[in-house]
Protein backbone atom coordinates (compact mmCIF):
# COMPACT_ATOMS: atom_id res chain seq x y z
CA MET A 1 33.01 14.93 -30.26
CA PRO A 2 35.68 14.19 -28.29
CA VAL A 3 35.08 12.14 -24.33
CA GLY A 4 35.40 15.29 -21.81
CA GLN A 5 38.07 14.35 -18.86
CA SER A 6 37.67 13.93 -15.63
CA GLY A 7 38.74 17.02 -13.30
CA ASP A 8 41.40 14.56 -12.39
CA ASP A 9 42.92 14.94 -15.69
CA LEU A 10 42.90 18.60 -15.66
CA PRO A 11 46.35 20.70 -14.46
CA GLU A 12 46.35 21.86 -10.60
CA GLY A 13 45.86 25.55 -9.90
CA ASP A 14 43.52 28.49 -8.69
CA GLY A 15 41.00 28.00 -11.86
CA LYS A 16 40.72 24.23 -11.75
CA LYS A 17 39.55 25.21 -7.79
CA ILE A 18 37.42 28.00 -8.90
CA LEU A 19 35.66 24.77 -11.69
CA GLN A 20 35.13 22.25 -9.12
CA ALA A 21 33.82 24.93 -6.44
CA SER A 22 31.54 26.49 -8.71
CA CYS A 23 30.87 24.28 -11.39
CA THR A 24 29.91 20.88 -10.18
CA ALA A 25 27.00 22.10 -8.42
CA CYS A 26 25.24 21.99 -11.06
CA HIS A 27 26.49 19.13 -13.35
CA ASP A 28 29.54 17.14 -13.68
CA LEU A 29 32.94 18.25 -15.00
CA ALA A 30 32.52 16.42 -17.96
CA GLU A 31 29.61 19.03 -19.04
CA VAL A 32 32.59 21.55 -19.58
CA THR A 33 35.72 19.49 -20.36
CA LYS A 34 33.72 17.95 -23.58
CA PHE A 35 33.91 21.33 -24.90
CA LYS A 36 37.55 20.82 -24.91
CA GLY A 37 39.38 22.41 -28.21
CA PHE A 38 36.24 23.94 -29.31
CA TYR A 39 35.52 27.33 -27.54
CA THR A 40 38.13 30.19 -27.53
CA ARG A 41 38.68 32.74 -24.40
CA ASP A 42 35.59 34.89 -25.92
CA ASP A 43 33.16 31.98 -25.89
CA TRP A 44 34.68 30.57 -22.76
CA ARG A 45 34.16 34.11 -21.21
CA ASP A 46 30.53 34.15 -23.13
CA VAL A 47 29.55 30.88 -20.82
CA VAL A 48 30.75 31.88 -17.87
CA LYS A 49 28.86 34.68 -17.77
CA THR A 50 25.76 32.91 -18.70
CA MET A 51 26.17 30.50 -15.92
CA ILE A 52 26.66 32.83 -13.83
CA GLU A 53 23.33 34.53 -15.16
CA TYR A 54 22.20 31.01 -14.24
CA GLY A 55 22.94 31.27 -10.98
CA ALA A 56 26.87 29.72 -10.58
CA LYS A 57 28.10 31.46 -7.34
CA VAL A 58 31.65 32.96 -9.14
CA LYS A 59 33.21 35.81 -7.20
CA GLU A 60 33.97 39.04 -9.38
CA SER A 61 37.47 38.63 -8.63
CA ASP A 62 37.49 34.78 -10.08
CA VAL A 63 35.77 35.12 -13.36
CA ASP A 64 38.81 36.44 -14.99
CA VAL A 65 41.20 33.37 -13.42
CA LEU A 66 38.56 30.81 -14.40
CA ILE A 67 38.21 31.93 -17.81
CA ASP A 68 42.12 32.03 -18.22
CA TYR A 69 42.27 28.59 -16.72
CA LEU A 70 39.23 27.27 -19.22
CA ALA A 71 40.66 29.18 -22.35
CA LYS A 72 44.47 27.83 -21.21
CA ASN A 73 43.62 24.51 -20.89
CA LEU A 74 39.96 23.80 -22.75
CA GLY A 75 40.50 26.69 -25.61
CA LYS A 76 40.80 26.20 -29.35
CA LYS A 77 44.52 26.30 -30.05
C-alpha cells in the first residue's frame, strides 16, 4: 500500500478545508490519503457518509464538496 500524503501535499480548495476541519478531529490525514487510488467516487461517498454516522462534523452543504474533492484528488483513476 502506498504511503499516504500529508495534508500539505493536497491541492488547495474548499474540499481540503472541509477535510482538514472535519476529518482530523478523530484521525490524521494519513488515514484518508493512504487510500489514494483505491476508492471510486461512490466509495468515497460511502466513506464520508459512514464517518458522519460515526460523528464527523460535516455540514450537509459540504458533503458533496468533500466527496468531489476526495474523488478528484484521491480517487481511483
